[in-house]
PDB file of all heavy atoms in Angstrom:
ATOM      1  N   LEU A   1     109.920 122.893  83.467  1.00  0.00           N
ATOM      2  CA  LEU A   1     110.898 122.280  84.401  1.00  0.00           C
ATOM      3  C   LEU A   1     110.869 120.749  84.217  1.00  0.00           C
ATOM      4  O   LEU A   1     111.944 120.091  84.361  1.00  0.00           O
ATOM      5  CB  LEU A   1     110.412 122.625  85.820  1.00  0.00           C
ATOM      6  CG  LEU A   1     111.194 121.933  86.981  1.00  0.00           C
ATOM      7  CD1 LEU A   1     112.670 122.308  86.900  1.00  0.00           C
ATOM      8  CD2 LEU A   1     110.584 122.320  88.352  1.00  0.00           C
ATOM      9  N   LEU A   2     109.699 120.166  83.979  1.00  0.00           N
ATOM     10  CA  LEU A   2     109.611 118.643  83.746  1.00  0.00           C
ATOM     11  C   LEU A   2     110.128 118.207  82.415  1.00  0.00           C
ATOM     12  O   LEU A   2     110.384 116.983  82.290  1.00  0.00           O
ATOM     13  CB  LEU A   2     108.212 118.255  83.990  1.00  0.00           C
ATOM     14  CG  LEU A   2     107.729 118.182  85.439  1.00  0.00           C
ATOM     15  CD1 LEU A   2     106.305 117.559  85.465  1.00  0.00           C
ATOM     16  CD2 LEU A   2     108.636 117.398  86.339  1.00  0.00           C
ATOM     17  N   ARG A   3     110.188 119.089  81.435  1.00  0.00           N
ATOM     18  CA  ARG A   3     110.541 118.627  80.105  1.00  0.00           C
ATOM     19  C   ARG A   3     111.868 117.951  80.015  1.00  0.00           C
ATOM     20  O   ARG A   3     112.927 118.508  80.525  1.00  0.00           O
ATOM     21  CB  ARG A   3     110.559 119.886  79.214  1.00  0.00           C
ATOM     22  CG  ARG A   3     110.686 119.587  77.678  1.00  0.00           C
ATOM     23  CD  ARG A   3     110.497 120.850  76.909  1.00  0.00           C
ATOM     24  NE  ARG A   3     109.195 121.421  77.148  1.00  0.00           N
ATOM     25  CZ  ARG A   3     108.820 122.674  76.920  1.00  0.00           C
ATOM     26  NH1 ARG A   3     109.753 123.505  76.406  1.00  0.00           N
ATOM     27  NH2 ARG A   3     107.626 123.150  77.062  1.00  0.00           N
ATOM     28  N   GLY A   4     111.924 116.764  79.546  1.00  0.00           N
ATOM     29  CA  GLY A   4     113.167 115.983  79.428  1.00  0.00           C
ATOM     30  C   GLY A   4     113.611 115.281  80.664  1.00  0.00           C
ATOM     31  O   GLY A   4     114.674 114.594  80.653  1.00  0.00           O
ATOM     32  N   ARG A   5     112.864 115.381  81.792  1.00  0.00           N
ATOM     33  CA  ARG A   5     113.253 114.738  82.993  1.00  0.00           C
ATOM     34  C   ARG A   5     112.939 113.294  82.953  1.00  0.00           C
ATOM     35  O   ARG A   5     111.862 112.829  82.554  1.00  0.00           O
ATOM     36  CB  ARG A   5     112.632 115.405  84.245  1.00  0.00           C
ATOM     37  CG  ARG A   5     113.003 116.779  84.491  1.00  0.00           C
ATOM     38  CD  ARG A   5     112.467 117.245  85.865  1.00  0.00           C
ATOM     39  NE  ARG A   5     113.090 116.374  86.953  1.00  0.00           N
ATOM     40  CZ  ARG A   5     114.295 116.642  87.527  1.00  0.00           C
ATOM     41  NH1 ARG A   5     114.986 117.603  87.190  1.00  0.00           N
ATOM     42  NH2 ARG A   5     114.655 115.805  88.407  1.00  0.00           N
ATOM     43  N   LYS A   6     113.857 112.444  83.510  1.00  0.00           N
ATOM     44  CA  LYS A   6     113.646 110.988  83.468  1.00  0.00           C
ATOM     45  C   LYS A   6     113.172 110.468  84.851  1.00  0.00           C
ATOM     46  O   LYS A   6     112.586 109.384  84.931  1.00  0.00           O
ATOM     47  CB  LYS A   6     114.878 110.244  83.060  1.00  0.00           C
ATOM     48  CG  LYS A   6     115.346 110.597  81.593  1.00  0.00           C
ATOM     49  CD  LYS A   6     116.606 109.818  81.274  1.00  0.00           C
ATOM     50  CE  LYS A   6     117.036 110.127  79.865  1.00  0.00           C
ATOM     51  NZ  LYS A   6     118.307 109.514  79.482  1.00  0.00           N
ATOM     52  N   ARG A   7     113.579 111.215  85.927  1.00  0.00           N
ATOM     53  CA  ARG A   7     113.201 110.826  87.260  1.00  0.00           C
ATOM     54  C   ARG A   7     112.067 111.687  87.814  1.00  0.00           C
ATOM     55  O   ARG A   7     111.946 112.825  87.463  1.00  0.00           O
ATOM     56  CB  ARG A   7     114.410 110.940  88.193  1.00  0.00           C
ATOM     57  CG  ARG A   7     115.551 109.889  87.885  1.00  0.00           C
ATOM     58  CD  ARG A   7     116.855 110.298  88.446  1.00  0.00           C
ATOM     59  NE  ARG A   7     116.861 110.547  89.879  1.00  0.00           N
ATOM     60  CZ  ARG A   7     117.256 109.741  90.855  1.00  0.00           C
ATOM     61  NH1 ARG A   7     117.704 108.559  90.507  1.00  0.00           N
ATOM     62  NH2 ARG A   7     117.282 110.077  92.154  1.00  0.00           N
ATOM     63  N   PRO A   8     111.336 111.125  88.735  1.00  0.00           N
ATOM     64  CA  PRO A   8     110.242 111.928  89.382  1.00  0.00           C
ATOM     65  C   PRO A   8     110.846 113.131  90.141  1.00  0.00           C
ATOM     66  O   PRO A   8     112.034 113.090  90.526  1.00  0.00           O
ATOM     67  CB  PRO A   8     109.571 110.968  90.316  1.00  0.00           C
ATOM     68  CG  PRO A   8     109.939 109.573  89.726  1.00  0.00           C
ATOM     69  CD  PRO A   8     111.239 109.711  89.162  1.00  0.00           C
ATOM     70  N   LEU A   9     110.130 114.110  90.416  1.00  0.00           N
ATOM     71  CA  LEU A   9     110.651 115.316  91.088  1.00  0.00           C
ATOM     72  C   LEU A   9     109.808 115.679  92.213  1.00  0.00           C
ATOM     73  O   LEU A   9     108.464 115.900  92.043  1.00  0.00           O
ATOM     74  CB  LEU A   9     110.737 116.498  90.148  1.00  0.00           C
ATOM     75  CG  LEU A   9     111.251 117.808  90.622  1.00  0.00           C
ATOM     76  CD1 LEU A   9     112.750 117.689  91.159  1.00  0.00           C
ATOM     77  CD2 LEU A   9     111.140 118.892  89.630  1.00  0.00           C
ATOM     78  N   HIS A  10     110.308 115.823  93.418  1.00  0.00           N
ATOM     79  CA  HIS A  10     109.725 116.379  94.581  1.00  0.00           C
ATOM     80  C   HIS A  10     110.141 117.880  94.741  1.00  0.00           C
ATOM     81  O   HIS A  10     111.377 118.137  94.896  1.00  0.00           O
ATOM     82  CB  HIS A  10     110.034 115.663  95.826  1.00  0.00           C
ATOM     83  CG  HIS A  10     109.439 114.283  95.897  1.00  0.00           C
ATOM     84  ND1 HIS A  10     108.348 113.994  96.681  1.00  0.00           N
ATOM     85  CD2 HIS A  10     109.794 113.128  95.287  1.00  0.00           C
ATOM     86  CE1 HIS A  10     107.990 112.741  96.565  1.00  0.00           C
ATOM     87  NE2 HIS A  10     108.825 112.157  95.686  1.00  0.00           N
ATOM     88  N   LEU A  11     109.206 118.772  94.536  1.00  0.00           N
ATOM     89  CA  LEU A  11     109.527 120.211  94.476  1.00  0.00           C
ATOM     90  C   LEU A  11     109.110 120.867  95.791  1.00  0.00           C
ATOM     91  O   LEU A  11     107.888 120.865  96.090  1.00  0.00           O
ATOM     92  CB  LEU A  11     108.876 120.846  93.312  1.00  0.00           C
ATOM     93  CG  LEU A  11     109.345 122.210  92.890  1.00  0.00           C
ATOM     94  CD1 LEU A  11     110.822 122.156  92.493  1.00  0.00           C
ATOM     95  CD2 LEU A  11     108.541 122.788  91.661  1.00  0.00           C
ATOM     96  N   MET A  12     110.056 121.531  96.473  1.00  0.00           N
ATOM     97  CA  MET A  12     109.761 122.312  97.730  1.00  0.00           C
ATOM     98  C   MET A  12     109.598 123.741  97.357  1.00  0.00           C
ATOM     99  O   MET A  12     110.452 124.305  96.678  1.00  0.00           O
ATOM    100  CB  MET A  12     110.940 122.085  98.728  1.00  0.00           C
ATOM    101  CG  MET A  12     111.380 120.636  98.825  1.00  0.00           C
ATOM    102  SD  MET A  12     110.231 119.576  99.617  1.00  0.00           S
ATOM    103  CE  MET A  12     110.784 117.933  98.961  1.00  0.00           C
ATOM    104  N   LEU A  13     108.541 124.363  97.860  1.00  0.00           N
ATOM    105  CA  LEU A  13     108.322 125.798  97.485  1.00  0.00           C
ATOM    106  C   LEU A  13     107.510 126.471  98.628  1.00  0.00           C
ATOM    107  O   LEU A  13     106.854 125.882  99.382  1.00  0.00           O
ATOM    108  CB  LEU A  13     107.666 125.886  96.166  1.00  0.00           C
ATOM    109  CG  LEU A  13     106.225 125.292  95.978  1.00  0.00           C
ATOM    110  CD1 LEU A  13     105.709 125.691  94.613  1.00  0.00           C
ATOM    111  CD2 LEU A  13     106.259 123.758  95.913  1.00  0.00           C
ATOM    112  N   ASP A  14     107.542 127.834  98.471  1.00  0.00           N
ATOM    113  CA  ASP A  14     106.862 128.637  99.434  1.00  0.00           C
ATOM    114  C   ASP A  14     105.357 128.689  99.128  1.00  0.00           C
ATOM    115  O   ASP A  14     104.870 128.354  98.034  1.00  0.00           O
ATOM    116  CB  ASP A  14     107.353 130.046  99.397  1.00  0.00           C
ATOM    117  CG  ASP A  14     108.851 130.162  99.790  1.00  0.00           C
ATOM    118  OD1 ASP A  14     109.227 129.304 100.620  1.00  0.00           O
ATOM    119  OD2 ASP A  14     109.554 131.041  99.264  1.00  0.00           O
ATOM    120  N   ARG A  15     104.572 129.123 100.182  1.00  0.00           N
ATOM    121  CA  ARG A  15     103.139 129.068  99.974  1.00  0.00           C
ATOM    122  C   ARG A  15     102.523 130.377  99.388  1.00  0.00           C
ATOM    123  O   ARG A  15     101.606 130.971 100.018  1.00  0.00           O
ATOM    124  CB  ARG A  15     102.496 128.885 101.435  1.00  0.00           C
ATOM    125  CG  ARG A  15     102.884 127.595 102.021  1.00  0.00           C
ATOM    126  CD  ARG A  15     102.456 127.492 103.482  1.00  0.00           C
ATOM    127  NE  ARG A  15     102.794 126.227 104.109  1.00  0.00           N
ATOM    128  CZ  ARG A  15     102.051 125.121 104.112  1.00  0.00           C
ATOM    129  NH1 ARG A  15     100.846 125.195 103.525  1.00  0.00           N
ATOM    130  NH2 ARG A  15     102.457 124.020 104.744  1.00  0.00           N
ATOM    131  N   LEU A  16     102.999 130.829  98.297  1.00  0.00           N
ATOM    132  CA  LEU A  16     102.449 131.952  97.622  1.00  0.00           C
ATOM    133  C   LEU A  16     101.145 131.567  96.872  1.00  0.00           C
ATOM    134  O   LEU A  16     101.027 130.469  96.378  1.00  0.00           O
ATOM    135  CB  LEU A  16     103.401 132.558  96.683  1.00  0.00           C
ATOM    136  CG  LEU A  16     104.663 133.172  97.314  1.00  0.00           C
ATOM    137  CD1 LEU A  16     105.609 133.803  96.304  1.00  0.00           C
ATOM    138  CD2 LEU A  16     104.340 134.122  98.382  1.00  0.00           C
ATOM    139  N   PRO A  17     100.185 132.479  96.773  1.00  0.00           N
ATOM    140  CA  PRO A  17      98.861 132.121  96.169  1.00  0.00           C
ATOM    141  C   PRO A  17      98.960 131.498  94.787  1.00  0.00           C
ATOM    142  O   PRO A  17      98.286 130.565  94.485  1.00  0.00           O
ATOM    143  CB  PRO A  17      98.140 133.447  96.142  1.00  0.00           C
ATOM    144  CG  PRO A  17      98.751 134.192  97.270  1.00  0.00           C
ATOM    145  CD  PRO A  17     100.168 133.824  97.297  1.00  0.00           C
ATOM    146  N   ALA A  18      99.842 132.061  93.899  1.00  0.00           N
ATOM    147  CA  ALA A  18      99.881 131.524  92.556  1.00  0.00           C
ATOM    148  C   ALA A  18     100.341 130.111  92.474  1.00  0.00           C
ATOM    149  O   ALA A  18     100.154 129.430  91.505  1.00  0.00           O
ATOM    150  CB  ALA A  18     100.843 132.401  91.712  1.00  0.00           C
ATOM    151  N   ARG A  19     101.004 129.568  93.547  1.00  0.00           N
ATOM    152  CA  ARG A  19     101.434 128.215  93.538  1.00  0.00           C
ATOM    153  C   ARG A  19     100.533 127.194  94.192  1.00  0.00           C
ATOM    154  O   ARG A  19     100.734 126.018  94.228  1.00  0.00           O
ATOM    155  CB  ARG A  19     102.856 128.196  94.296  1.00  0.00           C
ATOM    156  CG  ARG A  19     103.809 129.147  93.750  1.00  0.00           C
ATOM    157  CD  ARG A  19     105.017 129.302  94.614  1.00  0.00           C
ATOM    158  NE  ARG A  19     105.865 130.382  94.165  1.00  0.00           N
ATOM    159  CZ  ARG A  19     106.973 130.812  94.759  1.00  0.00           C
ATOM    160  NH1 ARG A  19     107.344 130.248  95.906  1.00  0.00           N
ATOM    161  NH2 ARG A  19     107.685 131.811  94.231  1.00  0.00           N
ATOM    162  N   GLN A  20      99.351 127.760  94.679  1.00  0.00           N
ATOM    163  CA  GLN A  20      98.438 126.890  95.376  1.00  0.00           C
ATOM    164  C   GLN A  20      97.037 126.955  94.681  1.00  0.00           C
ATOM    165  O   GLN A  20      95.998 126.680  95.276  1.00  0.00           O
ATOM    166  CB  GLN A  20      98.246 127.272  96.884  1.00  0.00           C
ATOM    167  CG  GLN A  20      99.603 127.218  97.678  1.00  0.00           C
ATOM    168  CD  GLN A  20      99.441 127.489  99.104  1.00  0.00           C
ATOM    169  OE1 GLN A  20      98.950 126.586  99.880  1.00  0.00           O
ATOM    170  NE2 GLN A  20      99.806 128.666  99.507  1.00  0.00           N
ATOM    171  N   THR A  21      96.987 127.278  93.429  1.00  0.00           N
ATOM    172  CA  THR A  21      95.783 127.404  92.726  1.00  0.00           C
ATOM    173  C   THR A  21      95.223 126.005  92.397  1.00  0.00           C
ATOM    174  O   THR A  21      96.023 125.025  92.233  1.00  0.00           O
ATOM    175  CB  THR A  21      95.910 128.281  91.458  1.00  0.00           C
ATOM    176  OG1 THR A  21      96.818 127.611  90.557  1.00  0.00           O
ATOM    177  CG2 THR A  21      96.415 129.624  91.768  1.00  0.00           C
ATOM    178  N   LYS A  22      93.929 125.920  92.000  1.00  0.00           N
ATOM    179  CA  LYS A  22      93.326 124.628  91.557  1.00  0.00           C
ATOM    180  C   LYS A  22      93.948 124.287  90.201  1.00  0.00           C
ATOM    181  O   LYS A  22      94.149 123.064  89.935  1.00  0.00           O
ATOM    182  CB  LYS A  22      91.837 124.775  91.456  1.00  0.00           C
ATOM    183  CG  LYS A  22      91.053 123.552  91.094  1.00  0.00           C
ATOM    184  CD  LYS A  22      89.600 123.718  90.997  1.00  0.00           C
ATOM    185  CE  LYS A  22      88.903 122.453  90.700  1.00  0.00           C
ATOM    186  NZ  LYS A  22      89.352 121.828  89.382  1.00  0.00           N
ATOM    187  N   LEU A  23      94.271 125.298  89.386  1.00  0.00           N
ATOM    188  CA  LEU A  23      94.877 125.015  88.136  1.00  0.00           C
ATOM    189  C   LEU A  23      96.275 124.310  88.340  1.00  0.00           C
ATOM    190  O   LEU A  23      96.518 123.267  87.565  1.00  0.00           O
ATOM    191  CB  LEU A  23      95.130 126.346  87.377  1.00  0.00           C
ATOM    192  CG  LEU A  23      95.663 126.285  85.945  1.00  0.00           C
ATOM    193  CD1 LEU A  23      94.610 125.593  85.122  1.00  0.00           C
ATOM    194  CD2 LEU A  23      95.884 127.699  85.437  1.00  0.00           C
ATOM    195  N   ALA A  24      97.013 124.728  89.253  1.00  0.00           N
ATOM    196  CA  ALA A  24      98.352 124.066  89.537  1.00  0.00           C
ATOM    197  C   ALA A  24      98.134 122.670  90.073  1.00  0.00           C
ATOM    198  O   ALA A  24      98.779 121.691  89.673  1.00  0.00           O
ATOM    199  CB  ALA A  24      99.129 124.896  90.485  1.00  0.00           C
ATOM    200  N   ALA A  25      97.162 122.554  90.966  1.00  0.00           N
ATOM    201  CA  ALA A  25      96.870 121.212  91.593  1.00  0.00           C
ATOM    202  C   ALA A  25      96.356 120.236  90.517  1.00  0.00           C
ATOM    203  O   ALA A  25      96.811 119.054  90.511  1.00  0.00           O
ATOM    204  CB  ALA A  25      95.831 121.340  92.662  1.00  0.00           C
ATOM    205  N   ASP A  26      95.541 120.701  89.577  1.00  0.00           N
ATOM    206  CA  ASP A  26      94.964 119.777  88.520  1.00  0.00           C
ATOM    207  C   ASP A  26      96.172 119.379  87.595  1.00  0.00           C
ATOM    208  O   ASP A  26      96.211 118.192  87.169  1.00  0.00           O
ATOM    209  CB  ASP A  26      93.967 120.556  87.705  1.00  0.00           C
ATOM    210  CG  ASP A  26      92.634 120.733  88.510  1.00  0.00           C
ATOM    211  OD1 ASP A  26      92.495 120.076  89.495  1.00  0.00           O
ATOM    212  OD2 ASP A  26      91.848 121.589  88.073  1.00  0.00           O
ATOM    213  N   TYR A  27      97.045 120.327  87.290  1.00  0.00           N
ATOM    214  CA  TYR A  27      98.222 119.933  86.467  1.00  0.00           C
ATOM    215  C   TYR A  27      99.078 118.889  87.117  1.00  0.00           C
ATOM    216  O   TYR A  27      99.490 117.899  86.504  1.00  0.00           O
ATOM    217  CB  TYR A  27      99.059 121.143  86.066  1.00  0.00           C
ATOM    218  CG  TYR A  27     100.378 120.720  85.437  1.00  0.00           C
ATOM    219  CD1 TYR A  27     100.373 120.128  84.179  1.00  0.00           C
ATOM    220  CD2 TYR A  27     101.582 120.874  86.098  1.00  0.00           C
ATOM    221  CE1 TYR A  27     101.583 119.684  83.631  1.00  0.00           C
ATOM    222  CE2 TYR A  27     102.778 120.433  85.576  1.00  0.00           C
ATOM    223  CZ  TYR A  27     102.762 119.887  84.350  1.00  0.00           C
ATOM    224  OH  TYR A  27     103.921 119.407  83.791  1.00  0.00           O
ATOM    225  N   VAL A  28      99.450 119.102  88.377  1.00  0.00           N
ATOM    226  CA  VAL A  28     100.282 118.135  89.081  1.00  0.00           C
ATOM    227  C   VAL A  28      99.619 116.798  89.082  1.00  0.00           C
ATOM    228  O   VAL A  28     100.312 115.739  88.985  1.00  0.00           O
ATOM    229  CB  VAL A  28     100.489 118.616  90.570  1.00  0.00           C
ATOM    230  CG1 VAL A  28     101.157 117.499  91.368  1.00  0.00           C
ATOM    231  CG2 VAL A  28     101.331 119.923  90.581  1.00  0.00           C
ATOM    232  N   ALA A  29      98.280 116.695  89.211  1.00  0.00           N
ATOM    233  CA  ALA A  29      97.559 115.462  89.160  1.00  0.00           C
ATOM    234  C   ALA A  29      97.757 114.710  87.855  1.00  0.00           C
ATOM    235  O   ALA A  29      97.825 113.463  87.841  1.00  0.00           O
ATOM    236  CB  ALA A  29      96.110 115.590  89.564  1.00  0.00           C
ATOM    237  N   THR A  30      97.877 115.488  86.763  1.00  0.00           N
ATOM    238  CA  THR A  30      98.015 114.867  85.469  1.00  0.00           C
ATOM    239  C   THR A  30      99.450 114.258  85.193  1.00  0.00           C
ATOM    240  O   THR A  30      99.613 113.483  84.319  1.00  0.00           O
ATOM    241  CB  THR A  30      97.786 115.878  84.316  1.00  0.00           C
ATOM    242  OG1 THR A  30      98.782 116.873  84.377  1.00  0.00           O
ATOM    243  CG2 THR A  30      96.338 116.509  84.480  1.00  0.00           C
ATOM    244  N   THR A  31     100.331 114.657  86.093  1.00  0.00           N
ATOM    245  CA  THR A  31     101.760 114.104  85.898  1.00  0.00           C
ATOM    246  C   THR A  31     101.818 112.701  86.485  1.00  0.00           C
ATOM    247  O   THR A  31     102.895 112.069  86.202  1.00  0.00           O
ATOM    248  CB  THR A  31     102.728 114.974  86.592  1.00  0.00           C
ATOM    249  OG1 THR A  31     102.562 114.978  88.016  1.00  0.00           O
ATOM    250  CG2 THR A  31     102.612 116.441  86.079  1.00  0.00           C
ATOM    251  N   LYS A  32     100.878 112.243  87.157  1.00  0.00           N
ATOM    252  CA  LYS A  32     100.867 110.833  87.717  1.00  0.00           C
ATOM    253  C   LYS A  32     102.070 110.514  88.489  1.00  0.00           C
ATOM    254  O   LYS A  32     102.713 109.437  88.218  1.00  0.00           O
ATOM    255  CB  LYS A  32     100.605 109.855  86.539  1.00  0.00           C
ATOM    256  CG  LYS A  32      99.230 110.039  85.775  1.00  0.00           C
ATOM    257  CD  LYS A  32      99.124 109.061  84.698  1.00  0.00           C
ATOM    258  CE  LYS A  32      97.768 109.322  84.015  1.00  0.00           C
ATOM    259  NZ  LYS A  32      97.568 108.393  82.870  1.00  0.00           N
ATOM    260  N   GLY A  33     102.425 111.379  89.379  1.00  0.00           N
ATOM    261  CA  GLY A  33     103.568 111.087  90.270  1.00  0.00           C
ATOM    262  C   GLY A  33     104.880 111.571  89.725  1.00  0.00           C
ATOM    263  O   GLY A  33     105.938 111.541  90.493  1.00  0.00           O
ATOM    264  N   ARG A  34     105.016 112.095  88.510  1.00  0.00           N
ATOM    265  CA  ARG A  34     106.298 112.697  88.010  1.00  0.00           C
ATOM    266  C   ARG A  34     106.676 113.882  88.756  1.00  0.00           C
ATOM    267  O   ARG A  34     107.821 114.223  88.834  1.00  0.00           O
ATOM    268  CB  ARG A  34     106.167 112.888  86.500  1.00  0.00           C
ATOM    269  CG  ARG A  34     106.076 111.669  85.671  1.00  0.00           C
ATOM    270  CD  ARG A  34     106.137 112.031  84.191  1.00  0.00           C
ATOM    271  NE  ARG A  34     107.347 112.707  83.846  1.00  0.00           N
ATOM    272  CZ  ARG A  34     107.483 113.798  83.034  1.00  0.00           C
ATOM    273  NH1 ARG A  34     106.375 114.301  82.580  1.00  0.00           N
ATOM    274  NH2 ARG A  34     108.592 114.396  82.788  1.00  0.00           N
ATOM    275  N   LEU A  35     105.601 114.640  89.205  1.00  0.00           N
ATOM    276  CA  LEU A  35     105.833 115.895  89.994  1.00  0.00           C
ATOM    277  C   LEU A  35     104.998 115.863  91.246  1.00  0.00           C
ATOM    278  O   LEU A  35     103.808 115.672  91.188  1.00  0.00           O
ATOM    279  CB  LEU A  35     105.532 117.113  89.145  1.00  0.00           C
ATOM    280  CG  LEU A  35     105.574 118.456  89.808  1.00  0.00           C
ATOM    281  CD1 LEU A  35     107.010 118.779  90.221  1.00  0.00           C
ATOM    282  CD2 LEU A  35     105.100 119.524  88.890  1.00  0.00           C
ATOM    283  N   THR A  36     105.611 116.238  92.360  1.00  0.00           N
ATOM    284  CA  THR A  36     104.883 116.383  93.635  1.00  0.00           C
ATOM    285  C   THR A  36     105.330 117.655  94.253  1.00  0.00           C
ATOM    286  O   THR A  36     106.559 117.965  94.307  1.00  0.00           O
ATOM    287  CB  THR A  36     105.197 115.221  94.574  1.00  0.00           C
ATOM    288  OG1 THR A  36     104.965 113.905  93.950  1.00  0.00           O
ATOM    289  CG2 THR A  36     104.346 115.258  95.865  1.00  0.00           C
ATOM    290  N   LEU A  37     104.412 118.500  94.758  1.00  0.00           N
ATOM    291  CA  LEU A  37     104.708 119.693  95.329  1.00  0.00           C
ATOM    292  C   LEU A  37     104.589 119.593  96.837  1.00  0.00           C
ATOM    293  O   LEU A  37     103.638 119.006  97.363  1.00  0.00           O
ATOM    294  CB  LEU A  37     103.680 120.807  94.869  1.00  0.00           C
ATOM    295  CG  LEU A  37     103.638 121.074  93.348  1.00  0.00           C
ATOM    296  CD1 LEU A  37     102.711 122.247  93.072  1.00  0.00           C
ATOM    297  CD2 LEU A  37     105.026 121.405  92.818  1.00  0.00           C
ATOM    298  N   HIS A  38     105.563 120.145  97.577  1.00  0.00           N
ATOM    299  CA  HIS A  38     105.583 120.153  99.019  1.00  0.00           C
ATOM    300  C   HIS A  38     105.796 121.586  99.461  1.00  0.00           C
ATOM    301  O   HIS A  38     106.751 122.233  99.061  1.00  0.00           O
ATOM    302  CB  HIS A  38     106.616 119.307  99.595  1.00  0.00           C
ATOM    303  CG  HIS A  38     106.604 117.799  99.101  1.00  0.00           C
ATOM    304  ND1 HIS A  38     105.736 116.913  99.655  1.00  0.00           N
ATOM    305  CD2 HIS A  38     107.296 117.245  98.029  1.00  0.00           C
ATOM    306  CE1 HIS A  38     105.939 115.733  98.974  1.00  0.00           C
ATOM    307  NE2 HIS A  38     106.814 115.895  98.037  1.00  0.00           N
ATOM    308  N   PHE A  39     104.881 122.121 100.304  1.00  0.00           N
ATOM    309  CA  PHE A  39     104.995 123.502 100.738  1.00  0.00           C
ATOM    310  C   PHE A  39     105.670 123.745 102.020  1.00  0.00           C
ATOM    311  O   PHE A  39     105.336 123.008 103.014  1.00  0.00           O
ATOM    312  CB  PHE A  39     103.567 124.123 100.751  1.00  0.00           C
ATOM    313  CG  PHE A  39     102.917 124.137  99.371  1.00  0.00           C
ATOM    314  CD1 PHE A  39     102.015 123.206  98.975  1.00  0.00           C
ATOM    315  CD2 PHE A  39     103.188 125.221  98.514  1.00  0.00           C
ATOM    316  CE1 PHE A  39     101.427 123.257  97.748  1.00  0.00           C
ATOM    317  CE2 PHE A  39     102.620 125.237  97.270  1.00  0.00           C
ATOM    318  CZ  PHE A  39     101.705 124.341  96.822  1.00  0.00           C
ATOM    319  N   LEU A  40     106.672 124.586 102.012  1.00  0.00           N
ATOM    320  CA  LEU A  40     107.393 124.996 103.245  1.00  0.00           C
ATOM    321  C   LEU A  40     106.473 125.664 104.277  1.00  0.00           C
ATOM    322  O   LEU A  40     105.442 126.182 103.902  1.00  0.00           O
ATOM    323  CB  LEU A  40     108.572 125.897 102.908  1.00  0.00           C
ATOM    324  CG  LEU A  40     109.639 125.349 101.990  1.00  0.00           C
ATOM    325  CD1 LEU A  40     110.478 126.464 101.396  1.00  0.00           C
ATOM    326  CD2 LEU A  40     110.523 124.450 102.783  1.00  0.00           C
ATOM    327  N   PRO A  41     106.897 125.647 105.463  1.00  0.00           N
ATOM    328  CA  PRO A  41     106.063 126.420 106.508  1.00  0.00           C
ATOM    329  C   PRO A  41     105.897 127.795 106.117  1.00  0.00           C
ATOM    330  O   PRO A  41     106.791 128.399 105.538  1.00  0.00           O
ATOM    331  CB  PRO A  41     106.884 126.187 107.790  1.00  0.00           C
ATOM    332  CG  PRO A  41     107.627 124.959 107.593  1.00  0.00           C
ATOM    333  CD  PRO A  41     107.995 124.900 106.141  1.00  0.00           C
ATOM    334  N   GLY A  42     104.804 128.477 106.466  1.00  0.00           N
ATOM    335  CA  GLY A  42     104.607 129.787 106.094  1.00  0.00           C
ATOM    336  C   GLY A  42     105.588 130.783 106.784  1.00  0.00           C
ATOM    337  O   GLY A  42     106.080 130.569 107.902  1.00  0.00           O
ATOM    338  N   TYR A  43     105.828 131.867 106.091  1.00  0.00           N
ATOM    339  CA  TYR A  43     106.757 132.952 106.540  1.00  0.00           C
ATOM    340  C   TYR A  43     108.133 132.458 107.005  1.00  0.00           C
ATOM    341  O   TYR A  43     108.719 132.963 107.941  1.00  0.00           O
ATOM    342  CB  TYR A  43     106.034 133.733 107.726  1.00  0.00           C
ATOM    343  CG  TYR A  43     104.687 134.294 107.343  1.00  0.00           C
ATOM    344  CD1 TYR A  43     103.548 133.527 107.672  1.00  0.00           C
ATOM    345  CD2 TYR A  43     104.580 135.430 106.697  1.00  0.00           C
ATOM    346  CE1 TYR A  43     102.253 134.049 107.336  1.00  0.00           C
ATOM    347  CE2 TYR A  43     103.299 135.962 106.328  1.00  0.00           C
ATOM    348  CZ  TYR A  43     102.161 135.235 106.636  1.00  0.00           C
ATOM    349  OH  TYR A  43     100.938 135.768 106.310  1.00  0.00           O
ATOM    350  N   ALA A  44     108.631 131.513 106.240  1.00  0.00           N
ATOM    351  CA  ALA A  44     109.960 131.012 106.528  1.00  0.00           C
ATOM    352  C   ALA A  44     110.831 130.894 105.326  1.00  0.00           C
ATOM    353  O   ALA A  44     111.256 129.771 104.929  1.00  0.00           O
ATOM    354  CB  ALA A  44     109.789 129.667 107.274  1.00  0.00           C
TER     355      ALA A  44
END
């Protein structure tokens, strides 16, 4: 998703387990602000 992007991205997504793993959090940290994840309220 980030490949070739020039602007930072704020990504809104549901709170499913695969999206809240430490692996995902560590990767987001390596983007240094190019990608930020924001989780929607549960069950909505």
